[in-house]
Amino acid sequence: MGQTALLGMTGERLEAFSVHDELWKWLCAAPKGSILMPRSNWPAMAKTSMLGLRFFAHYSGYPGIKPEPESYAHARLKIDVVRILRDLGYEANVEVPGVSPTGDEWVADVLTATIGGTKVAFEIQLSSQHIADFRKRTDRYRASGVHVFWILAEKPVADRLHKAILVETVGIRRAIGVIVCDCEEIVPINVALPSKNHYPEDPLQVRFGRGRDIRRMPLAEAIEGLMYGSARWEFPDWKWVNPLNPTAA
């Protein structure tokens, strides 16, 4: 399942969340083969979940490996991120495929570019993964010339990631007494969600940083700041600064 499909006759890219209602009705009733799933070109179905989320899915009989189903919260976050970026004036798209120079394929939840032209991916991670997988996926993007920001479920994903870094850096703590729970290559934006099947209707609040440097802000403010360079690595933590006045509190 996903938010994108292709119009069979023209190859036009469709977005489930952004097409107008009349077109969506037509897509839901369209004959098999009218729309295709991206990358596999298998016939797609336009569907609406019990929670009201529009999405595309493979018709039955697909012989390949389907992507893992994504949760309601994951899809909603992805849609909100791309809408915020577009409202800010950036060109942004969901579920964008790419490949690294060594042939490693990737699909960005959201792909955009800074004013200076640097490609930026926003990756949403609401299920725990090993720190090695965070680094592998981050390195794959970097090899492709893409900077990545991670939007993490505060519990358990962000908590487990920070604990893994803490274990890795125990030698630093013993040597100089500095507690290190972040690393330079992984930029974490933390969100608190009640569950993967619930998403707040009020503007989503996120957390960046820790301790005295912790910042809480609406998702839109965080995305705008990230695109302008507000996230700065200052060992041992990520800091949120004003890029126009880095010394300001």
Protein backbone atom coordinates (compact mmCIF):
# COMPACT_ATOMS: atom_id res chain seq x y z
CA MET A 1 0.00 0.00 0.00
CA GLY A 2 1.09 3.58 -0.52
CA GLN A 3 0.13 7.11 -1.40
CA THR A 4 1.25 7.05 -5.04
CA ALA A 5 0.16 5.31 -8.22
CA LEU A 6 0.49 5.82 -11.96
CA LEU A 7 -2.30 6.48 -14.44
CA GLY A 8 -2.07 3.53 -16.82
CA MET A 9 -2.70 5.40 -20.08
CA THR A 10 -0.33 8.33 -19.52
CA GLY A 11 2.03 7.38 -16.67
CA GLU A 12 0.90 10.47 -14.75
CA ARG A 13 1.80 10.28 -11.07
CA LEU A 14 -1.18 10.30 -8.71
CA GLU A 15 -1.29 11.05 -4.99
CA ALA A 16 -4.09 9.51 -2.97
CA PHE A 17 -4.12 12.34 -0.44
CA SER A 18 -4.13 15.21 -2.93
CA VAL A 19 -6.40 14.21 -5.83
CA HIS A 20 -9.79 15.95 -5.84
CA ASP A 21 -12.85 14.03 -4.67
CA GLU A 22 -14.39 13.44 -8.10
CA LEU A 23 -11.17 11.94 -9.45
CA TRP A 24 -10.85 9.77 -6.36
CA LYS A 25 -14.36 8.40 -6.92
CA TRP A 26 -13.42 7.58 -10.50
CA LEU A 27 -10.19 5.88 -9.42
CA CYS A 28 -12.06 3.73 -6.89
CA ALA A 29 -14.43 2.48 -9.62
CA ALA A 30 -11.92 2.35 -12.49
CA PRO A 31 -11.41 -0.97 -14.35
CA LYS A 32 -8.42 -3.12 -13.45
CA GLY A 33 -5.28 -1.80 -15.13
CA SER A 34 -6.43 1.83 -15.21
CA ILE A 35 -3.92 2.64 -12.47
CA LEU A 36 -0.64 0.93 -11.67
CA MET A 37 1.55 0.63 -8.60
CA PRO A 38 4.87 2.46 -9.01
CA ARG A 39 8.05 0.40 -9.49
CA SER A 40 6.13 -2.88 -9.98
CA ASN A 41 3.65 -1.63 -12.64
CA TRP A 42 1.13 -4.11 -11.21
CA PRO A 43 -2.56 -3.07 -11.40
CA ALA A 44 -3.53 -0.93 -8.43
CA MET A 45 -6.69 -0.39 -6.45
CA ALA A 46 -7.75 2.92 -4.91
CA LYS A 47 -9.06 2.29 -1.40
CA THR A 48 -10.11 4.16 1.75
CA SER A 49 -9.32 2.74 5.19
CA MET A 50 -11.76 2.54 8.10
CA LEU A 51 -10.02 5.62 9.52
CA GLY A 52 -10.69 7.57 6.32
CA LEU A 53 -7.18 7.36 4.88
CA ARG A 54 -6.95 7.12 1.10
CA PHE A 55 -4.30 4.79 -0.31
CA PHE A 56 -3.35 2.60 -3.26
CA ALA A 57 -2.76 -1.15 -3.03
CA HIS A 58 -1.73 -3.99 -5.34
CA TYR A 59 -4.50 -6.03 -6.92
CA SER A 60 -4.49 -9.61 -5.68
CA GLY A 61 -2.18 -12.07 -7.38
CA TYR A 62 0.96 -9.93 -7.34
CA PRO A 63 3.87 -12.43 -7.50
CA GLY A 64 6.55 -10.14 -6.07
CA ILE A 65 7.31 -8.96 -2.56
CA LYS A 66 4.96 -6.19 -1.50
CA PRO A 67 6.23 -3.31 0.64
CA GLU A 68 5.50 -3.63 4.35
CA PRO A 69 2.11 -2.07 5.21
CA GLU A 70 2.54 1.29 6.87
CA SER A 71 0.54 2.43 9.86
CA TYR A 72 -2.10 5.14 9.84
CA ALA A 73 0.16 7.45 11.86
CA HIS A 74 3.09 6.87 9.50
CA ALA A 75 0.98 7.77 6.47
CA ARG A 76 -0.50 10.83 8.16
CA LEU A 77 2.94 12.08 9.21
CA LYS A 78 4.27 11.61 5.69
CA ILE A 79 1.34 13.54 4.23
CA ASP A 80 1.69 16.35 6.78
CA VAL A 81 5.43 16.70 6.11
CA VAL A 82 4.98 17.03 2.34
CA ARG A 83 2.09 19.48 2.75
CA ILE A 84 4.09 21.64 5.15
CA LEU A 85 7.04 21.72 2.75
CA ARG A 86 4.80 22.71 -0.14
CA ASP A 87 3.17 25.43 1.96
CA LEU A 88 6.68 26.75 2.66
CA GLY A 89 7.32 26.96 -1.08
CA TYR A 90 9.44 23.82 -1.55
CA GLU A 91 8.88 21.21 -4.22
CA ALA A 92 8.29 18.00 -2.28
CA ASN A 93 6.98 14.53 -3.05
CA VAL A 94 6.13 11.37 -1.15
CA GLU A 95 7.53 7.88 -1.79
CA VAL A 96 10.32 8.93 -4.13
CA PRO A 97 12.63 6.09 -5.28
CA GLY A 98 16.33 6.44 -5.86
CA VAL A 99 19.54 4.46 -6.12
CA SER A 100 23.02 5.05 -4.73
CA PRO A 101 26.16 5.00 -6.93
CA THR A 102 26.79 1.43 -5.71
CA GLY A 103 23.31 0.27 -6.75
CA ASP A 104 21.59 0.35 -3.36
CA GLU A 105 17.94 1.26 -3.86
CA TRP A 106 15.96 3.49 -1.52
CA VAL A 107 12.50 5.06 -1.32
CA ALA A 108 12.26 8.31 0.62
CA ASP A 109 9.10 8.91 2.64
CA VAL A 110 9.40 12.54 1.54
CA LEU A 111 12.01 14.04 -0.77
CA THR A 112 12.61 17.74 -1.24
CA ALA A 113 15.53 20.14 -1.78
CA THR A 114 16.86 23.21 -0.01
CA ILE A 115 16.97 26.64 -1.63
CA GLY A 116 20.61 25.90 -2.46
CA GLY A 117 19.66 22.68 -4.25
CA THR A 118 20.74 20.10 -1.69
CA LYS A 119 18.39 17.11 -1.76
CA VAL A 120 16.75 16.35 1.58
CA ALA A 121 14.86 13.24 2.68
CA PHE A 122 12.51 13.04 5.64
CA GLU A 123 12.33 9.49 6.97
CA ILE A 124 9.59 8.53 9.42
CA GLN A 125 10.41 5.70 11.82
CA LEU A 126 7.67 4.63 14.23
CA SER A 127 8.96 1.08 14.76
CA SER A 128 12.23 0.26 16.47
CA GLN A 129 15.24 -0.59 14.35
CA HIS A 130 18.87 -1.33 15.18
CA ILE A 131 21.26 1.60 15.25
CA ALA A 132 23.22 -0.15 12.49
CA ASP A 133 20.14 0.11 10.26
CA PHE A 134 19.83 3.83 11.00
CA ARG A 135 23.44 4.27 9.93
CA LYS A 136 23.14 2.01 6.89
CA ARG A 137 20.12 3.89 5.58
CA THR A 138 21.68 7.27 6.38
CA ASP A 139 24.90 6.31 4.58
CA ARG A 140 22.91 5.12 1.57
CA TYR A 141 21.26 8.53 1.30
CA ARG A 142 24.54 10.37 1.74
CA ALA A 143 26.17 8.29 -1.00
CA SER A 144 23.29 9.45 -3.22
CA GLY A 145 23.88 13.11 -2.34
CA VAL A 146 20.83 13.28 -0.06
CA HIS A 147 20.78 14.72 3.47
CA VAL A 148 18.31 12.95 5.78
CA PHE A 149 16.26 13.98 8.80
CA TRP A 150 14.70 11.26 10.96
CA ILE A 151 11.25 11.73 12.50
CA LEU A 152 11.05 9.19 15.32
CA ALA A 153 8.37 7.96 17.67
CA GLU A 154 9.58 9.17 21.06
CA LYS A 155 8.69 5.84 22.62
CA PRO A 156 10.09 3.36 21.92
CA VAL A 157 12.17 4.33 18.84
CA ALA A 158 13.97 7.49 19.99
CA ASP A 159 14.47 6.17 23.53
CA ARG A 160 16.07 2.95 22.24
CA LEU A 161 18.25 4.80 19.73
CA HIS A 162 19.60 7.15 22.41
CA LYS A 163 20.25 4.22 24.76
CA ALA A 164 22.15 2.40 22.00
CA ILE A 165 24.34 5.47 21.47
CA LEU A 166 24.85 5.72 25.23
CA VAL A 167 26.15 2.12 25.29
CA GLU A 168 28.43 2.80 22.31
CA THR A 169 29.96 5.85 23.97
CA VAL A 170 30.54 4.40 27.43
CA GLY A 171 34.28 4.86 26.89
CA ILE A 172 33.86 8.62 26.46
CA ARG A 173 31.79 8.81 29.65
CA ARG A 174 34.44 6.91 31.60
CA ALA A 175 37.32 8.91 30.13
CA ILE A 176 36.04 12.49 30.36
CA GLY A 177 32.71 12.21 32.20
CA VAL A 178 30.58 13.37 29.24
CA ILE A 179 27.28 11.60 28.61
CA VAL A 180 26.70 11.11 24.87
CA CYS A 181 23.21 10.08 23.70
CA ASP A 182 23.30 11.55 20.17
CA CYS A 183 25.55 11.05 17.16
CA GLU A 184 26.39 13.47 14.37
CA GLU A 185 25.17 11.31 11.49
CA ILE A 186 21.58 10.81 12.77
CA VAL A 187 19.44 13.96 13.10
CA PRO A 188 16.45 13.01 15.32
CA ILE A 189 13.11 14.83 15.56
CA ASN A 190 10.96 13.12 18.19
CA VAL A 191 7.17 12.87 18.19
CA ALA A 192 4.91 11.53 20.92
CA LEU A 193 2.02 9.52 19.48
CA PRO A 194 -0.54 7.53 21.49
CA SER A 195 -0.28 4.63 19.02
CA LYS A 196 0.40 3.85 15.38
CA ASN A 197 -3.33 3.91 14.70
CA HIS A 198 -4.01 7.31 16.28
CA TYR A 199 -2.99 10.73 15.06
CA PRO A 200 -3.86 14.05 16.74
CA GLU A 201 -6.09 16.42 14.84
CA ASP A 202 -4.43 19.40 16.53
CA PRO A 203 -1.08 20.56 15.09
CA LEU A 204 1.49 17.91 15.95
CA GLN A 205 4.15 18.93 18.49
CA VAL A 206 7.70 17.61 18.23
CA ARG A 207 10.80 17.63 20.44
CA PHE A 208 14.36 18.39 19.42
CA GLY A 209 17.43 18.18 21.64
CA ARG A 210 17.69 17.25 25.30
CA GLY A 211 18.27 18.63 28.78
CA ARG A 212 18.59 22.40 29.00
CA ASP A 213 18.72 22.57 25.19
CA ILE A 214 15.41 20.80 24.64
CA ARG A 215 13.04 22.51 22.19
CA ARG A 216 9.36 21.74 21.76
CA MET A 217 7.58 23.20 18.74
CA PRO A 218 4.89 22.51 16.13
CA LEU A 219 5.90 20.12 13.35
CA ALA A 220 5.65 22.94 10.78
CA GLU A 221 8.08 25.12 12.74
CA ALA A 222 10.53 22.22 13.07
CA ILE A 223 10.47 21.44 9.34
CA GLU A 224 10.98 25.09 8.44
CA GLY A 225 13.92 25.32 10.83
CA LEU A 226 15.50 22.11 9.56
CA MET A 227 15.35 23.38 5.99
CA TYR A 228 17.02 26.64 7.06
CA GLY A 229 19.79 24.91 9.03
CA SER A 230 18.61 25.35 12.61
CA ALA A 231 19.83 21.86 13.57
CA ARG A 232 23.53 22.09 14.44
CA TRP A 233 25.82 19.39 15.80
CA GLU A 234 27.77 20.59 18.84
CA PHE A 235 29.35 17.63 20.60
CA PRO A 236 27.89 15.87 22.48
CA ASP A 237 24.39 16.96 21.41
CA TRP A 238 22.31 18.35 18.59
CA LYS A 239 21.40 22.01 19.20
CA TRP A 240 18.63 24.18 17.76
CA VAL A 241 20.04 27.57 16.74
CA ASN A 242 18.98 30.62 14.78
CA PRO A 243 21.04 30.38 11.54
CA LEU A 244 20.84 34.17 11.16
CA ASN A 245 22.19 34.67 14.67
CA PRO A 246 23.93 31.48 15.88
CA THR A 247 24.90 33.02 19.25
CA ALA A 248 21.29 33.84 20.18
CA ALA A 249 19.70 31.78 22.92
